[in-house]
Protein backbone atom coordinates (compact mmCIF):
# COMPACT_ATOMS: atom_id res chain seq x y z
CA MET A 1 19.99 3.19 -10.52
CA THR A 2 15.85 3.56 -11.59
CA ASN A 3 14.19 4.44 -8.37
CA PRO A 4 12.10 1.89 -6.78
CA ASP A 5 8.41 2.14 -7.83
CA LEU A 6 5.26 -0.19 -8.37
CA SER A 7 6.03 -1.10 -11.72
CA GLY A 8 9.26 -2.61 -10.55
CA ALA A 9 7.58 -4.39 -7.75
CA TYR A 10 5.14 -6.07 -10.17
CA ALA A 11 7.89 -7.14 -12.18
CA LEU A 12 10.18 -9.26 -9.80
CA THR A 13 10.72 -12.64 -10.47
CA GLY A 14 12.13 -14.43 -7.34
CA PRO A 15 13.20 -13.86 -3.76
CA ASP A 16 16.57 -12.49 -4.60
CA ASP A 17 14.99 -9.66 -6.99
CA CYS A 18 12.36 -8.96 -3.60
CA LEU A 19 15.51 -8.45 -1.28
CA ARG A 20 17.29 -6.15 -3.95
CA LEU A 21 14.00 -4.10 -4.35
CA TYR A 22 13.13 -3.69 -0.92
CA ALA A 23 16.39 -3.03 0.28
CA ASP A 24 16.53 -0.12 -1.88
CA TRP A 25 13.11 1.13 -1.34
CA ALA A 26 12.99 0.66 2.90
CA ASP A 27 13.64 4.22 3.66
CA SER A 28 11.54 6.11 1.28
CA TYR A 29 8.36 3.21 1.51
CA ASP A 30 6.15 5.11 3.51
CA SER A 31 6.82 8.62 2.28
CA ASP A 32 7.33 8.10 -1.29
CA PHE A 33 5.06 5.08 -2.13
CA ALA A 34 2.56 5.06 0.65
CA ALA A 35 1.79 8.38 1.17
CA GLY A 36 2.08 9.60 -2.66
CA MET A 37 -0.15 6.86 -3.87
CA ALA A 38 -2.51 7.35 -0.79
CA TYR A 39 -2.20 3.52 -0.05
CA ARG A 40 -5.48 2.19 1.54
CA LEU A 41 -4.92 -1.32 1.28
CA PRO A 42 -3.76 -1.64 4.69
CA ALA A 43 -6.58 0.38 6.41
CA GLU A 44 -9.20 -1.72 4.44
CA THR A 45 -7.68 -5.31 5.49
CA ALA A 46 -7.29 -4.03 8.92
CA ALA A 47 -10.87 -3.37 9.22
CA ALA A 48 -11.89 -6.56 7.36
CA TRP A 49 -9.91 -8.08 10.15
CA MET A 50 -11.79 -6.22 12.91
CA ARG A 51 -15.30 -6.86 11.38
CA ALA A 52 -14.60 -10.58 11.14
CA ALA A 53 -15.18 -10.49 15.19
CA ALA A 54 -11.50 -11.56 15.75
CA PRO A 55 -10.43 -13.29 18.61
CA THR A 56 -7.92 -12.27 21.10
CA GLY A 57 -4.50 -13.39 20.83
CA PRO A 58 -1.56 -12.84 18.85
CA VAL A 59 -1.92 -11.95 15.59
CA LEU A 60 0.70 -12.26 12.84
CA ASP A 61 1.32 -9.64 9.64
CA VAL A 62 2.26 -11.62 6.61
CA GLY A 63 4.67 -9.78 4.85
CA ALA A 64 4.44 -6.79 7.10
CA GLY A 65 6.83 -4.68 5.36
CA THR A 66 7.30 -1.14 7.18
CA GLY A 67 4.39 -1.83 9.47
CA LEU A 68 1.29 -0.09 7.49
CA LEU A 69 -1.34 -2.79 8.19
CA ALA A 70 0.17 -2.90 11.76
CA ALA A 71 -0.53 0.56 12.39
CA ALA A 72 -4.09 0.71 10.73
CA LEU A 73 -4.92 -2.63 13.48
CA ARG A 74 -3.57 -0.36 16.34
CA GLY A 75 -5.76 2.53 14.71
CA LEU A 76 -8.73 0.67 15.23
CA GLY A 77 -8.45 -0.37 18.80
CA HIS A 78 -6.65 -3.65 18.32
CA GLN A 79 -4.39 -4.05 21.47
CA GLY A 80 -3.16 -7.59 21.56
CA PRO A 81 0.34 -8.34 20.44
CA ILE A 82 1.18 -8.26 16.88
CA ASP A 83 3.99 -10.13 15.50
CA ALA A 84 5.93 -9.46 12.00
CA VAL A 85 7.22 -11.80 9.37
CA ASP A 86 8.62 -10.43 5.88
CA LEU A 87 11.50 -11.73 3.60
CA SER A 88 13.41 -7.98 3.87
CA PRO A 89 15.36 -6.97 6.64
CA GLU A 90 15.38 -3.76 5.77
CA MET A 91 11.90 -3.51 5.73
CA LEU A 92 11.48 -4.96 8.72
CA ASP A 93 13.96 -2.20 10.28
CA ARG A 94 11.68 0.47 9.16
CA ALA A 95 8.90 -1.36 11.24
CA ALA A 96 11.07 -1.82 14.22
CA GLN A 97 11.45 1.95 14.60
CA LYS A 98 7.72 2.09 15.19
CA THR A 99 7.39 -0.33 18.08
CA LEU A 100 4.30 -1.78 16.67
CA TYR A 101 5.20 -5.49 17.09
CA ARG A 102 5.98 -7.84 19.63
CA GLN A 103 8.68 -9.64 17.26
CA LEU A 104 9.96 -9.54 13.83
CA THR A 105 10.88 -12.52 11.97
CA VAL A 106 13.00 -12.69 8.30
CA ALA A 107 11.19 -15.71 6.65
CA ASP A 108 10.01 -16.40 3.02
CA VAL A 109 6.33 -17.08 3.52
CA THR A 110 6.01 -19.61 0.75
CA ARG A 111 8.02 -22.31 2.86
CA PRO A 112 7.39 -23.75 6.45
CA LEU A 113 7.48 -20.65 9.06
CA PRO A 114 9.94 -21.16 11.71
CA LEU A 115 7.22 -19.76 14.12
CA PRO A 116 5.03 -21.53 16.56
CA ALA A 117 1.48 -22.31 16.03
CA VAL A 118 0.36 -19.83 18.36
CA TYR A 119 -1.70 -17.73 16.30
CA ALA A 120 -5.24 -16.23 16.69
CA GLY A 121 -5.15 -14.09 13.85
CA VAL A 122 -3.29 -13.83 10.38
CA VAL A 123 -3.29 -10.45 8.40
CA SER A 124 -1.67 -9.56 5.49
CA SER A 125 -1.75 -6.51 3.03
CA GLY A 126 -0.27 -6.33 -0.66
CA THR A 127 1.80 -9.52 -0.08
CA PHE A 128 -0.15 -11.57 -2.34
CA THR A 129 0.08 -9.53 -5.75
CA HIS A 130 2.15 -9.37 -8.83
CA GLY A 131 5.56 -10.73 -8.80
CA HIS A 132 5.40 -11.67 -5.15
CA VAL A 133 3.44 -14.44 -3.02
CA GLY A 134 1.13 -16.92 -4.49
CA PRO A 135 -1.59 -19.58 -3.25
CA GLU A 136 1.61 -21.64 -1.99
CA ALA A 137 2.04 -19.73 1.01
CA LEU A 138 -1.86 -20.14 2.67
CA ALA A 139 -0.89 -23.73 3.66
CA PRO A 140 1.90 -22.84 5.73
CA LEU A 141 0.16 -20.15 7.40
CA LEU A 142 -2.86 -22.48 8.38
CA ASP A 143 -0.05 -24.50 10.36
CA ILE A 144 1.20 -21.63 12.24
CA ALA A 145 -2.59 -20.76 13.24
CA LEU A 146 -4.61 -21.83 16.03
CA PRO A 147 -8.04 -23.73 15.52
CA GLY A 148 -10.29 -20.87 15.30
CA ALA A 149 -7.88 -18.22 14.26
CA VAL A 150 -9.31 -15.16 11.57
CA PHE A 151 -7.33 -14.55 8.35
CA ALA A 152 -7.91 -11.39 6.43
CA LEU A 153 -5.43 -11.35 3.77
CA SER A 154 -5.47 -8.81 0.54
CA VAL A 155 -4.84 -10.53 -3.06
CA ASN A 156 -4.40 -8.15 -5.80
CA ALA A 157 -7.74 -8.65 -8.14
CA ALA A 158 -5.57 -9.09 -11.46
CA VAL A 159 -3.39 -12.12 -10.19
CA TRP A 160 -6.70 -13.90 -8.51
CA ASP A 161 -7.52 -16.13 -11.76
CA ARG A 162 -4.13 -16.10 -13.12
CA LYS A 163 -2.44 -17.45 -9.90
CA GLY A 164 -5.31 -19.96 -9.32
CA PHE A 165 -6.30 -18.66 -5.64
CA ALA A 166 -10.31 -19.81 -5.84
CA SER A 167 -9.09 -23.28 -6.98
CA ALA A 168 -6.49 -23.01 -3.95
CA PHE A 169 -8.91 -22.03 -1.61
CA GLU A 170 -11.25 -24.62 -2.42
CA ALA A 171 -8.45 -27.08 -2.13
CA LEU A 172 -8.31 -26.18 1.68
CA GLY A 173 -11.78 -27.78 1.67
CA PRO A 174 -12.73 -28.43 5.28
CA ARG A 175 -9.29 -26.92 7.01
CA ILE A 176 -11.07 -23.43 6.56
CA ALA A 177 -14.67 -22.15 7.36
CA GLY A 178 -16.45 -19.06 6.44
CA LEU A 179 -14.66 -17.79 3.37
CA ASP A 180 -15.66 -14.47 2.21
CA GLN A 181 -14.18 -11.93 -0.05
CA ALA A 182 -14.67 -7.65 -0.60
CA ASP A 183 -13.34 -5.99 -3.80
CA VAL A 184 -11.67 -2.89 -2.72
CA SER A 185 -9.68 -0.16 -4.27
CA ILE A 186 -5.90 -0.19 -3.49
CA TYR A 187 -5.24 3.58 -3.78
CA GLY A 188 -6.73 6.95 -3.24
CA ASP A 189 -7.59 9.21 -5.62
CA GLU A 190 -4.22 10.98 -5.49
CA ALA A 191 -2.53 8.27 -6.88
CA ARG A 192 -4.24 9.26 -10.42
CA GLY A 193 -1.76 11.82 -10.70
CA ARG A 194 1.04 9.75 -9.25
CA ASP A 195 0.71 6.63 -11.43
CA PRO A 196 -2.14 6.43 -13.73
CA ASP A 197 -1.15 3.05 -14.63
CA HIS A 198 -2.29 1.39 -11.27
CA ALA A 199 -4.30 4.11 -9.85
CA ALA A 200 -7.60 1.79 -10.55
CA ASP A 201 -6.08 -1.57 -9.09
CA ARG A 202 -8.25 -3.29 -6.80
CA ALA A 203 -8.15 -5.73 -4.47
CA LEU A 204 -9.96 -8.80 -2.84
CA ILE A 205 -9.86 -9.22 0.55
CA VAL A 206 -10.69 -12.52 1.76
CA THR A 207 -11.37 -13.34 5.42
CA PHE A 208 -12.04 -16.82 6.59
CA ARG A 209 -11.42 -19.03 9.94
CA LYS A 210 -9.11 -21.97 10.40
CA THR A 211 -11.19 -24.83 11.63
């Protein structure tokens, strides 16, 4: 069997493909992919959320994977409760070992979520990308956020236009305010030797509030 890699992740075509790939990748994801590619997007997303004058209260980490974004938030001093949601139970099992989260939920974030509307913050790193999640997840996430909740979501720059993110945010209209975005590198310099095809990939970190 071919070892899971970024090209395989970008080529996913549905939830079943995602489940298979991340079941195989969970044990080596941090040491193989995150370390080998100097994966900086979780830290960039965490910093963007912290800069957005985030309120106190529970935070939901969407597509939490092995907990890299939550670890970055903790490293920046966030002390409030963080919950995780992800499609892959194997990835959440790895996250659970880090004791970063209050609660972990296996769910498809493109559908109405089995979570209460209690979140003062919603964050996501690496989930809105090729072969994963598109703008159809924005409305379900707004539904479980409190008024005033601060969002920081990374979107792979290569899918921004193709998947219609700009029009999707525009369609949210009065449901959101303070929409802003920042262009960042997804990987560090080490990625050039590891995966030159993707080393220069970029993301837009979108921040906004629920009204």
